[in-house]
Amino acid sequence: MPKTTQLRTYTVRDGRLDEWVERWRKEIVPLRLELGFTIGGAWVDREHSQFFWLISYEGPETFAERNALYWASPEREAMSLDPDDYLVHTEERTVEPAY
């Protein structure tokens, strides 16, 4: 399958941005990497309580299939991390390089 990259934009609940970033770094990133995803970077906009990151996958499955594997994994379940506890709004856009 060709490489798929998503730009993900999350609006985080007031006062929870730092906690979200910490959990994302320590729990989400290692599992994503273990499952073959790559992370192209992550940024915060403190003024708007937003978190942005680039995630890519290139492998035998589609991005959607691999993403479903992530969500169904026992490791993800063991996180006891409900995105709704942190995120008010999420947006995922599939993007491609222009430069």
Protein backbone atom coordinates (compact mmCIF):
# COMPACT_ATOMS: atom_id res chain seq x y z
CA MET A 1 0.00 0.00 0.00
CA PRO A 2 1.18 3.56 -0.62
CA LYS A 3 2.14 5.76 2.29
CA THR A 4 -0.77 7.55 3.95
CA THR A 5 -0.23 10.58 6.19
CA GLN A 6 -2.80 12.23 8.38
CA LEU A 7 -2.68 15.63 10.02
CA ARG A 8 -4.60 15.34 13.25
CA THR A 9 -5.88 18.39 15.09
CA TYR A 10 -7.25 18.00 18.58
CA THR A 11 -8.90 20.68 20.69
CA VAL A 12 -8.11 19.73 24.28
CA ARG A 13 -10.26 20.41 27.33
CA ASP A 14 -9.23 23.49 29.30
CA GLY A 15 -6.43 22.75 31.75
CA ARG A 16 -5.67 19.30 30.32
CA LEU A 17 -3.25 20.09 27.47
CA ASP A 18 -0.04 19.23 29.33
CA GLU A 19 -1.53 16.03 30.74
CA TRP A 20 -2.73 15.03 27.26
CA VAL A 21 0.71 15.65 25.73
CA GLU A 22 2.40 13.62 28.46
CA ARG A 23 0.09 10.65 28.01
CA TRP A 24 0.36 10.90 24.21
CA ARG A 25 4.18 10.80 24.42
CA LYS A 26 4.42 8.00 26.98
CA GLU A 27 1.54 5.76 25.93
CA ILE A 28 0.26 6.44 22.43
CA VAL A 29 3.51 7.10 20.57
CA PRO A 30 5.34 3.90 21.62
CA LEU A 31 2.41 1.70 20.61
CA ARG A 32 1.92 3.52 17.32
CA LEU A 33 5.61 3.05 16.51
CA GLU A 34 5.50 -0.61 17.53
CA LEU A 35 2.62 -1.13 15.08
CA GLY A 36 4.56 0.38 12.18
CA PHE A 37 3.30 3.96 12.17
CA THR A 38 5.69 6.90 11.94
CA ILE A 39 5.20 10.21 13.69
CA GLY A 40 6.18 13.26 11.64
CA GLY A 41 6.05 15.67 14.54
CA ALA A 42 3.71 17.17 17.11
CA TRP A 43 2.94 20.75 18.10
CA VAL A 44 0.83 22.59 20.65
CA ASP A 45 -1.04 25.87 20.33
CA ARG A 46 -1.50 26.86 23.97
CA GLU A 47 -3.58 29.92 23.17
CA HIS A 48 -6.27 27.74 21.59
CA SER A 49 -5.63 24.57 23.66
CA GLN A 50 -4.90 22.60 20.50
CA PHE A 51 -2.59 19.71 19.72
CA PHE A 52 -1.45 18.88 16.17
CA TRP A 53 0.44 15.85 14.95
CA LEU A 54 1.38 14.01 11.76
CA ILE A 55 1.00 10.25 11.64
CA SER A 56 1.90 8.03 8.66
CA TYR A 57 1.65 4.40 7.73
CA GLU A 58 3.13 2.54 4.78
CA GLY A 59 2.78 -1.21 4.82
CA PRO A 60 0.79 -4.21 3.65
CA GLU A 61 -2.53 -2.95 5.08
CA THR A 62 -4.33 0.29 4.47
CA PHE A 63 -4.01 3.08 7.02
CA ALA A 64 -7.58 2.37 8.16
CA GLU A 65 -6.91 -1.33 8.64
CA ARG A 66 -3.73 -0.67 10.63
CA ASN A 67 -5.50 2.01 12.67
CA ALA A 68 -8.26 -0.49 13.52
CA LEU A 69 -5.54 -2.91 14.69
CA TYR A 70 -4.18 -0.20 16.98
CA TRP A 71 -7.59 0.45 18.54
CA ALA A 72 -8.32 -3.27 18.97
CA SER A 73 -4.95 -4.12 20.51
CA PRO A 74 -4.73 -5.30 24.12
CA GLU A 75 -2.02 -2.69 24.69
CA ARG A 76 -4.40 0.10 23.70
CA GLU A 77 -7.10 -1.33 25.93
CA ALA A 78 -4.65 -1.51 28.85
CA MET A 79 -4.00 2.24 28.61
CA SER A 80 -7.42 3.02 30.09
CA LEU A 81 -7.21 6.23 28.09
CA ASP A 82 -10.55 7.56 26.89
CA PRO A 83 -9.95 10.38 24.40
CA ASP A 84 -13.25 11.97 25.43
CA ASP A 85 -11.73 12.70 28.85
CA TYR A 86 -9.24 15.02 27.13
CA LEU A 87 -10.48 16.00 23.69
CA VAL A 88 -13.36 18.33 22.89
CA HIS A 89 -12.99 18.10 19.11
CA THR A 90 -10.86 16.07 16.70
CA GLU A 91 -10.16 16.50 13.02
CA GLU A 92 -8.23 14.09 10.80
CA ARG A 93 -7.12 15.09 7.32
CA THR A 94 -5.25 12.91 4.88
CA VAL A 95 -2.48 15.05 3.44
CA GLU A 96 0.28 14.64 0.87
CA PRO A 97 3.61 16.40 0.49
CA ALA A 98 3.72 19.56 -1.57
CA TYR A 99 7.39 20.31 -0.95
